[in-house]
N, C-alpha and C. Protein backbone atom coordinates (compact mmCIF):
# COMPACT_ATOMS: atom_id res chain seq x y z
N MET A 1 -78.52 -166.24 -11.15
CA MET A 1 -77.73 -165.07 -11.38
C MET A 1 -78.11 -164.13 -10.27
N VAL A 2 -77.12 -163.42 -9.65
CA VAL A 2 -77.28 -162.52 -8.60
C VAL A 2 -76.79 -161.11 -9.02
N ASP A 3 -77.60 -160.14 -8.83
CA ASP A 3 -77.18 -158.75 -9.30
C ASP A 3 -76.45 -158.11 -8.05
N PHE A 4 -75.48 -157.25 -8.30
CA PHE A 4 -74.71 -156.46 -7.27
C PHE A 4 -74.81 -155.07 -7.75
N PRO A 5 -75.94 -154.31 -7.29
CA PRO A 5 -75.98 -152.94 -7.73
C PRO A 5 -74.88 -152.14 -7.17
N VAL A 6 -74.24 -151.26 -8.07
CA VAL A 6 -73.11 -150.35 -7.62
C VAL A 6 -73.63 -149.00 -7.86
N ARG A 7 -73.85 -148.29 -6.76
CA ARG A 7 -74.22 -146.82 -6.96
C ARG A 7 -73.13 -145.90 -6.64
N THR A 8 -72.05 -146.37 -6.04
CA THR A 8 -70.86 -145.40 -5.78
C THR A 8 -69.60 -146.14 -6.11
N ALA A 9 -68.63 -145.46 -6.53
CA ALA A 9 -67.28 -145.98 -6.87
C ALA A 9 -66.54 -146.65 -5.57
N GLU A 10 -66.96 -146.20 -4.46
CA GLU A 10 -66.41 -146.71 -3.27
C GLU A 10 -66.82 -148.09 -2.87
N GLN A 11 -67.86 -148.64 -3.52
CA GLN A 11 -68.23 -149.90 -3.37
C GLN A 11 -67.38 -151.02 -4.20
N LEU A 12 -66.64 -150.47 -5.08
CA LEU A 12 -65.88 -151.37 -6.02
C LEU A 12 -64.77 -152.23 -5.35
N PRO A 13 -63.92 -151.70 -4.43
CA PRO A 13 -62.80 -152.43 -3.77
C PRO A 13 -63.39 -153.67 -3.20
N ALA A 14 -64.51 -153.63 -2.34
CA ALA A 14 -64.92 -154.76 -1.64
C ALA A 14 -65.55 -155.85 -2.69
N LEU A 15 -66.25 -155.29 -3.63
CA LEU A 15 -66.76 -156.14 -4.65
C LEU A 15 -65.77 -156.88 -5.47
N LEU A 16 -64.65 -156.25 -5.87
CA LEU A 16 -63.59 -156.88 -6.66
C LEU A 16 -62.95 -157.97 -5.78
N GLN A 17 -62.70 -157.72 -4.50
CA GLN A 17 -62.07 -158.61 -3.69
C GLN A 17 -62.97 -159.82 -3.53
N GLY A 18 -64.17 -159.60 -3.38
CA GLY A 18 -65.18 -160.66 -3.15
C GLY A 18 -65.30 -161.58 -4.42
N PHE A 19 -65.34 -160.97 -5.57
CA PHE A 19 -65.40 -161.67 -6.81
C PHE A 19 -64.19 -162.52 -7.05
N ARG A 20 -63.03 -161.91 -6.71
CA ARG A 20 -61.77 -162.56 -6.89
C ARG A 20 -61.75 -163.81 -5.96
N LYS A 21 -62.17 -163.73 -4.72
CA LYS A 21 -62.19 -164.83 -3.76
C LYS A 21 -63.14 -165.82 -4.25
N GLN A 22 -64.40 -165.44 -4.65
CA GLN A 22 -65.42 -166.32 -5.11
C GLN A 22 -64.93 -167.18 -6.37
N ALA A 23 -64.01 -166.47 -7.16
CA ALA A 23 -63.50 -167.24 -8.37
C ALA A 23 -62.29 -168.08 -7.87
N GLY A 24 -62.03 -168.17 -6.69
CA GLY A 24 -60.96 -169.06 -6.08
C GLY A 24 -59.58 -168.54 -6.57
N LEU A 25 -59.33 -167.30 -6.75
CA LEU A 25 -58.13 -166.85 -7.21
C LEU A 25 -57.38 -166.03 -6.12
N THR A 26 -56.06 -166.08 -6.09
CA THR A 26 -55.24 -165.28 -5.20
C THR A 26 -54.95 -163.92 -5.87
N GLN A 27 -54.50 -162.98 -5.16
CA GLN A 27 -53.99 -161.80 -5.88
C GLN A 27 -52.89 -162.10 -6.80
N ALA A 28 -51.95 -163.07 -6.49
CA ALA A 28 -50.81 -163.32 -7.32
C ALA A 28 -51.36 -164.01 -8.61
N ALA A 29 -52.28 -164.92 -8.49
CA ALA A 29 -52.81 -165.65 -9.81
C ALA A 29 -53.50 -164.59 -10.68
N THR A 30 -54.30 -163.61 -10.02
CA THR A 30 -55.04 -162.71 -10.78
C THR A 30 -54.12 -161.79 -11.35
N ALA A 31 -53.05 -161.28 -10.77
CA ALA A 31 -52.03 -160.46 -11.27
C ALA A 31 -51.27 -161.09 -12.45
N LEU A 32 -51.02 -162.31 -12.36
CA LEU A 32 -50.38 -163.02 -13.51
C LEU A 32 -51.22 -162.92 -14.74
N ARG A 33 -52.50 -163.24 -14.52
CA ARG A 33 -53.38 -163.19 -15.65
C ARG A 33 -53.58 -161.81 -16.31
N LEU A 34 -53.42 -160.68 -15.38
CA LEU A 34 -53.67 -159.30 -15.81
C LEU A 34 -52.34 -158.83 -16.37
N GLY A 35 -51.29 -159.45 -16.05
CA GLY A 35 -49.96 -158.94 -16.52
C GLY A 35 -49.38 -157.88 -15.78
N VAL A 36 -49.61 -157.94 -14.39
CA VAL A 36 -49.14 -156.97 -13.52
C VAL A 36 -48.61 -157.69 -12.32
N THR A 37 -47.88 -157.00 -11.43
CA THR A 37 -47.34 -157.55 -10.16
C THR A 37 -48.46 -157.68 -9.13
N GLN A 38 -48.27 -158.62 -8.16
CA GLN A 38 -49.17 -158.74 -7.08
C GLN A 38 -49.37 -157.42 -6.37
N GLN A 39 -48.39 -156.67 -6.09
CA GLN A 39 -48.41 -155.37 -5.48
C GLN A 39 -49.36 -154.45 -6.28
N THR A 40 -49.26 -154.44 -7.56
CA THR A 40 -50.03 -153.62 -8.35
C THR A 40 -51.51 -154.01 -8.33
N LEU A 41 -51.74 -155.24 -8.24
CA LEU A 41 -53.14 -155.73 -8.12
C LEU A 41 -53.63 -155.33 -6.83
N SER A 42 -52.88 -155.55 -5.76
CA SER A 42 -53.34 -155.11 -4.35
C SER A 42 -53.63 -153.73 -4.33
N ALA A 43 -52.86 -152.74 -4.95
CA ALA A 43 -53.25 -151.46 -5.02
C ALA A 43 -54.51 -151.12 -5.85
N LEU A 44 -54.66 -151.86 -6.97
CA LEU A 44 -55.77 -151.74 -7.81
C LEU A 44 -57.12 -152.12 -6.99
N GLU A 45 -56.98 -153.26 -6.24
CA GLU A 45 -58.17 -153.58 -5.40
C GLU A 45 -58.49 -152.51 -4.38
N ARG A 46 -57.54 -152.06 -3.76
CA ARG A 46 -57.74 -150.91 -2.73
C ARG A 46 -58.20 -149.69 -3.25
N ASN A 47 -57.81 -149.44 -4.50
CA ASN A 47 -58.24 -148.15 -5.18
C ASN A 47 -59.05 -148.47 -6.39
N ALA A 48 -59.97 -149.34 -6.32
CA ALA A 48 -60.74 -149.75 -7.60
C ALA A 48 -61.59 -148.56 -8.06
N ASP A 49 -61.91 -147.63 -7.24
CA ASP A 49 -62.72 -146.48 -7.67
C ASP A 49 -61.93 -145.59 -8.52
N LYS A 50 -60.62 -145.78 -8.60
CA LYS A 50 -59.75 -144.90 -9.50
C LYS A 50 -59.29 -145.55 -10.82
N ILE A 51 -59.67 -146.84 -11.02
CA ILE A 51 -59.14 -147.48 -12.26
C ILE A 51 -59.98 -147.10 -13.48
N SER A 52 -59.39 -147.34 -14.67
CA SER A 52 -60.11 -147.04 -15.82
C SER A 52 -61.19 -148.07 -16.16
N ALA A 53 -62.18 -147.69 -16.97
CA ALA A 53 -63.20 -148.60 -17.23
C ALA A 53 -62.58 -149.89 -18.11
N ASP A 54 -61.59 -149.52 -18.96
CA ASP A 54 -60.95 -150.75 -19.67
C ASP A 54 -60.39 -151.72 -18.60
N ARG A 55 -59.52 -151.26 -17.73
CA ARG A 55 -59.01 -152.08 -16.72
C ARG A 55 -60.11 -152.81 -15.82
N LEU A 56 -61.09 -152.12 -15.45
CA LEU A 56 -62.13 -152.78 -14.66
C LEU A 56 -62.80 -153.92 -15.46
N LEU A 57 -63.14 -153.71 -16.78
CA LEU A 57 -63.61 -154.76 -17.47
C LEU A 57 -62.62 -155.90 -17.72
N GLN A 58 -61.38 -155.71 -17.86
CA GLN A 58 -60.34 -156.79 -17.86
C GLN A 58 -60.41 -157.62 -16.61
N VAL A 59 -60.48 -156.92 -15.41
CA VAL A 59 -60.39 -157.68 -14.21
C VAL A 59 -61.78 -158.42 -13.98
N LEU A 60 -62.84 -157.86 -14.29
CA LEU A 60 -64.18 -158.49 -14.21
C LEU A 60 -64.24 -159.66 -15.06
N ASN A 61 -63.64 -159.61 -16.33
CA ASN A 61 -63.55 -160.82 -17.21
C ASN A 61 -62.78 -162.00 -16.62
N ILE A 62 -61.65 -161.64 -15.93
CA ILE A 62 -60.88 -162.70 -15.23
C ILE A 62 -61.71 -163.43 -14.20
N PHE A 63 -62.59 -162.61 -13.57
CA PHE A 63 -63.39 -163.17 -12.41
C PHE A 63 -64.63 -163.88 -12.99
N GLY A 64 -64.88 -163.69 -14.30
CA GLY A 64 -66.12 -164.42 -14.83
C GLY A 64 -67.30 -163.63 -14.56
N VAL A 65 -67.17 -162.26 -14.35
CA VAL A 65 -68.22 -161.43 -14.06
C VAL A 65 -68.40 -160.46 -15.25
N GLU A 66 -69.71 -160.21 -15.54
CA GLU A 66 -69.99 -159.19 -16.65
C GLU A 66 -70.64 -157.96 -16.05
N LEU A 67 -70.47 -156.81 -16.76
CA LEU A 67 -70.91 -155.53 -16.34
C LEU A 67 -72.27 -155.38 -17.11
N VAL A 68 -73.33 -155.15 -16.34
CA VAL A 68 -74.60 -154.91 -17.01
C VAL A 68 -75.09 -153.50 -16.52
N LEU A 69 -75.44 -152.62 -17.47
CA LEU A 69 -76.05 -151.40 -17.22
C LEU A 69 -77.56 -151.34 -17.30
N ARG A 70 -78.25 -151.09 -16.23
CA ARG A 70 -79.61 -151.12 -16.26
C ARG A 70 -80.22 -149.86 -15.89
N GLN A 71 -81.18 -149.35 -16.64
CA GLN A 71 -81.78 -148.07 -16.31
C GLN A 71 -82.66 -148.32 -15.13
N VAL A 72 -82.75 -147.38 -14.20
CA VAL A 72 -83.50 -147.56 -13.02
C VAL A 72 -84.61 -146.49 -13.16
N GLY A 73 -85.80 -146.88 -12.85
CA GLY A 73 -87.09 -146.08 -12.88
C GLY A 73 -87.39 -145.65 -14.29
N ASP A 74 -88.21 -144.67 -14.40
CA ASP A 74 -88.84 -144.32 -15.67
C ASP A 74 -87.70 -143.52 -16.53
N PRO A 75 -87.63 -143.82 -17.75
CA PRO A 75 -86.72 -143.16 -18.58
C PRO A 75 -87.11 -141.68 -18.78
N PRO A 76 -86.13 -140.82 -18.95
CA PRO A 76 -86.46 -139.40 -19.21
C PRO A 76 -87.27 -139.34 -20.53
N ALA A 77 -88.27 -138.40 -20.55
CA ALA A 77 -89.17 -138.13 -21.77
C ALA A 77 -88.38 -137.88 -23.02
N SER A 78 -87.20 -137.53 -22.99
CA SER A 78 -86.43 -137.13 -24.21
C SER A 78 -85.91 -138.43 -24.79
N GLN A 79 -85.82 -139.54 -24.09
CA GLN A 79 -85.19 -140.75 -24.69
C GLN A 79 -86.27 -141.76 -25.16
N ASN A 80 -85.92 -142.51 -26.11
CA ASN A 80 -86.91 -143.47 -26.70
C ASN A 80 -86.52 -144.82 -25.99
N SER A 81 -87.36 -145.89 -26.25
CA SER A 81 -87.20 -147.16 -25.59
C SER A 81 -85.94 -147.88 -26.07
N SER A 82 -85.35 -147.50 -27.18
CA SER A 82 -84.17 -148.13 -27.60
C SER A 82 -82.91 -147.84 -27.01
N GLY A 83 -82.90 -146.90 -26.07
CA GLY A 83 -81.70 -146.46 -25.45
C GLY A 83 -81.34 -145.06 -25.53
N PRO A 84 -80.26 -144.68 -25.01
CA PRO A 84 -79.85 -143.24 -25.07
C PRO A 84 -79.59 -142.87 -26.49
N VAL A 85 -79.77 -141.60 -26.81
CA VAL A 85 -79.54 -141.04 -28.13
C VAL A 85 -78.37 -140.10 -27.98
N TRP A 86 -77.21 -140.42 -28.64
CA TRP A 86 -76.11 -139.61 -28.41
C TRP A 86 -76.02 -138.57 -29.40
C-alpha cells in the first residue's frame, strides 16, 4: 500500500487523474459510472480542489482508492488518544 499525502487542495487534480489512469479508466468510462458527462468529469478533474467531500469520496471509490486521515506529529494536549472531541 502506498500513501499519497495531500497537504493542499491544488494537489488533487493530478492525483485524481493519476488514480483514474492507474485504474485503467477513461474519462468517459469514469463519467458513466459517476452519472455525469465526460465534459463534467473533465472539469471535475481540472477543478478537483473545488468539489464537495461527498463527490470526492464517490470518485475515489470508483478508482478503488480510500481516504485515510492520519494525525501528523504530537496531538494537541486537549485531545485524548481516541481522537477529536467534538
